[in-house]
């Protein structure tokens, strides 16, 4: 499996659920679709998923997640990026390139209005659960490696600094009224 095939899986899952903004429904559909693939493809999907998570491991996105969720631990950032994966390739790519663009997503606007956190821990387990569903066994221990890049030192500031966040993420800051 490559990233194009993975993104097609997510697109097919999003198309199959009544509300594609429901990340849990997208995860369930993606898991079912992936479980129908050969076990080797399921195993390969786990590495693709973690490669995409590594691609999105960036301080500007972490700052955006921190602002949106009112704080964001390292696990919370994984869950936020899991949610981002369920939004599809175009959204993922646009947001990774410009995290402030999150302010234009209806689901983020709705979350800001209702003070709801945006995350999807279950997205991290799509391949894991598909493999169990397909084979009755857990993924092999060596099925994937996580290779996070170094974080941008230009963004190494206290994310509680509202003035700095407002300067760097003005649309999100306006949406969340900081």
Protein backbone atom coordinates (compact mmCIF):
# COMPACT_ATOMS: atom_id res chain seq x y z
CA UNK A 1 0.00 0.00 0.00
CA UNK A 2 1.21 3.49 -0.80
CA UNK A 3 -0.13 6.88 0.27
CA UNK A 4 -2.37 7.20 -2.82
CA UNK A 5 -4.06 3.90 -1.98
CA UNK A 6 -4.38 4.92 1.67
CA UNK A 7 -6.00 8.23 0.70
CA UNK A 8 -8.39 6.38 -1.62
CA UNK A 9 -9.34 4.18 1.34
CA UNK A 10 -10.11 7.28 3.42
CA UNK A 11 -12.06 8.86 0.53
CA UNK A 12 -14.10 5.67 0.06
CA UNK A 13 -14.77 5.51 3.80
CA UNK A 14 -15.86 9.17 3.86
CA UNK A 15 -18.16 8.57 0.88
CA UNK A 16 -19.77 5.59 2.58
CA UNK A 17 -20.89 7.34 5.78
CA UNK A 18 -23.85 9.70 6.15
CA UNK A 19 -21.73 12.46 7.75
CA UNK A 20 -18.10 12.51 6.56
CA UNK A 21 -17.24 15.00 9.30
CA UNK A 22 -17.95 12.21 11.83
CA UNK A 23 -14.40 10.97 12.26
CA UNK A 24 -15.43 7.91 14.28
CA UNK A 25 -17.78 6.79 11.49
CA UNK A 26 -15.02 7.34 8.92
CA UNK A 27 -12.62 5.25 11.03
CA UNK A 28 -15.15 2.42 11.34
CA UNK A 29 -15.78 2.42 7.58
CA UNK A 30 -12.05 2.62 6.76
CA UNK A 31 -11.34 -0.25 9.13
CA UNK A 32 -13.99 -2.41 7.47
CA UNK A 33 -12.77 -1.55 3.97
CA UNK A 34 -9.15 -2.21 4.89
CA UNK A 35 -10.02 -5.53 6.57
CA UNK A 36 -11.22 -6.77 3.16
CA UNK A 37 -7.69 -6.35 1.76
CA UNK A 38 -4.93 -8.98 1.89
CA UNK A 39 -3.09 -9.03 5.23
CA UNK A 40 0.11 -7.69 3.64
CA UNK A 41 -1.79 -4.59 2.47
CA UNK A 42 -3.22 -4.08 5.94
CA UNK A 43 0.25 -4.28 7.46
CA UNK A 44 1.59 -1.83 4.86
CA UNK A 45 -1.24 0.58 5.64
CA UNK A 46 0.06 0.95 9.20
CA UNK A 47 3.39 2.31 7.94
CA UNK A 48 1.65 4.69 5.52
CA UNK A 49 -0.52 5.98 8.36
CA UNK A 50 2.50 6.67 10.57
CA UNK A 51 4.42 8.25 7.69
CA UNK A 52 1.52 10.67 7.21
CA UNK A 53 1.46 11.38 10.93
CA UNK A 54 5.20 12.10 10.76
CA UNK A 55 4.62 14.45 7.82
CA UNK A 56 2.13 16.40 9.92
CA UNK A 57 4.38 16.48 13.01
CA UNK A 58 5.03 20.22 12.88
CA UNK A 59 5.02 22.93 15.51
CA UNK A 60 2.66 25.24 13.59
CA UNK A 61 0.05 22.48 13.45
CA UNK A 62 0.69 21.63 17.11
CA UNK A 63 0.10 25.29 18.00
CA UNK A 64 -3.18 25.20 16.05
CA UNK A 65 -4.25 22.02 17.85
CA UNK A 66 -3.31 23.63 21.17
CA UNK A 67 -5.43 26.67 20.39
CA UNK A 68 -8.41 24.64 19.14
CA UNK A 69 -8.42 22.12 21.98
CA UNK A 70 -7.48 24.48 24.81
CA UNK A 71 -4.19 22.63 25.27
CA UNK A 72 -2.53 19.71 23.55
CA UNK A 73 -0.22 17.08 25.01
CA UNK A 74 1.95 14.89 22.79
CA UNK A 75 -0.75 12.18 22.81
CA UNK A 76 -3.40 14.83 22.19
CA UNK A 77 -1.43 16.00 19.15
CA UNK A 78 -1.40 12.42 17.82
CA UNK A 79 -5.18 12.24 18.29
CA UNK A 80 -5.66 15.63 16.61
CA UNK A 81 -3.63 14.48 13.62
CA UNK A 82 -5.64 11.25 13.60
CA UNK A 83 -8.75 13.40 13.23
CA UNK A 84 -7.04 15.35 10.46
CA UNK A 85 -6.38 12.11 8.55
CA UNK A 86 -10.10 11.32 8.61
CA UNK A 87 -10.85 14.63 6.88
CA UNK A 88 -9.30 13.39 3.63
CA UNK A 89 -6.23 14.09 1.56
CA UNK A 90 -7.12 17.58 0.31
CA UNK A 91 -7.90 18.89 3.78
CA UNK A 92 -4.90 17.14 5.31
CA UNK A 93 -2.54 18.59 2.69
CA UNK A 94 -3.97 22.10 2.94
CA UNK A 95 -3.88 22.14 6.74
CA UNK A 96 -0.35 20.77 6.98
CA UNK A 97 0.76 23.49 4.54
CA UNK A 98 -1.17 26.21 6.38
CA UNK A 99 -2.54 25.30 9.82
CA UNK A 100 -4.38 28.62 10.07
CA UNK A 101 -6.63 27.35 7.24
CA UNK A 102 -8.33 25.19 9.87
CA UNK A 103 -10.39 28.29 10.71
CA UNK A 104 -12.27 27.90 7.43
CA UNK A 105 -13.39 24.31 8.05
CA UNK A 106 -17.06 24.07 9.10
CA UNK A 107 -16.25 21.37 11.65
CA UNK A 108 -13.68 23.64 13.31
CA UNK A 109 -16.09 26.59 13.29
CA UNK A 110 -18.73 24.38 14.90
CA UNK A 111 -16.22 23.14 17.48
CA UNK A 112 -15.28 26.72 18.34
CA UNK A 113 -18.93 27.62 18.86
CA UNK A 114 -19.64 24.59 21.04
CA UNK A 115 -16.26 24.38 22.82
CA UNK A 116 -15.74 20.79 21.62
CA UNK A 117 -12.28 19.25 21.29
CA UNK A 118 -11.22 17.94 17.90
CA UNK A 119 -9.46 14.60 18.01
CA UNK A 120 -9.79 10.99 16.92
CA UNK A 121 -7.60 8.52 18.76
CA UNK A 122 -9.25 5.60 16.94
CA UNK A 123 -7.82 6.80 13.62
CA UNK A 124 -4.41 5.67 14.83
CA UNK A 125 -5.73 2.10 15.01
CA UNK A 126 -7.33 1.69 11.58
CA UNK A 127 -4.77 -0.86 10.37
CA UNK A 128 -4.41 -2.47 13.78
CA UNK A 129 -8.16 -3.13 14.06
CA UNK A 130 -8.47 -4.12 10.39
CA UNK A 131 -5.73 -6.71 10.85
CA UNK A 132 -7.46 -8.17 13.90
CA UNK A 133 -10.76 -8.21 12.02
CA UNK A 134 -9.22 -9.90 8.97
CA UNK A 135 -6.84 -12.37 10.63
CA UNK A 136 -7.84 -12.60 14.28
CA UNK A 137 -4.26 -11.59 15.12
CA UNK A 138 -2.52 -8.39 16.14
CA UNK A 139 -0.22 -6.60 13.72
CA UNK A 140 3.32 -7.95 13.75
CA UNK A 141 5.58 -6.13 16.20
CA UNK A 142 7.81 -4.88 13.38
CA UNK A 143 4.93 -3.72 11.15
CA UNK A 144 5.93 -0.07 11.25
CA UNK A 145 8.45 2.48 12.46
CA UNK A 146 7.67 5.95 13.68
CA UNK A 147 10.12 8.53 12.38
CA UNK A 148 9.23 11.98 13.62
CA UNK A 149 11.17 14.92 12.20
CA UNK A 150 12.73 17.61 14.38
CA UNK A 151 10.28 20.34 15.35
CA UNK A 152 10.80 23.84 13.96
CA UNK A 153 12.74 25.88 16.55
CA UNK A 154 11.12 29.07 15.14
CA UNK A 155 7.88 27.85 16.73
CA UNK A 156 9.44 26.95 20.08
CA UNK A 157 7.41 29.33 22.23
CA UNK A 158 4.82 29.01 24.97
CA UNK A 159 1.54 28.18 23.21
CA UNK A 160 -0.26 29.90 26.09
CA UNK A 161 1.13 33.18 24.77
CA UNK A 162 -2.07 34.51 23.17
CA UNK A 163 -0.33 37.46 21.56
CA UNK A 164 2.21 35.22 19.83
CA UNK A 165 -0.48 32.72 18.76
CA UNK A 166 -2.61 35.56 17.40
CA UNK A 167 0.29 36.85 15.34
CA UNK A 168 1.10 33.41 13.92
CA UNK A 169 -2.41 31.96 13.56
CA UNK A 170 -4.61 35.05 13.14
CA UNK A 171 -7.70 33.34 11.65
CA UNK A 172 -7.81 30.66 14.34
CA UNK A 173 -7.11 33.20 17.06
CA UNK A 174 -10.02 35.32 15.82
CA UNK A 175 -12.30 32.29 15.64
CA UNK A 176 -11.37 31.25 19.18
CA UNK A 177 -11.39 34.85 20.39
CA UNK A 178 -7.96 34.92 22.00
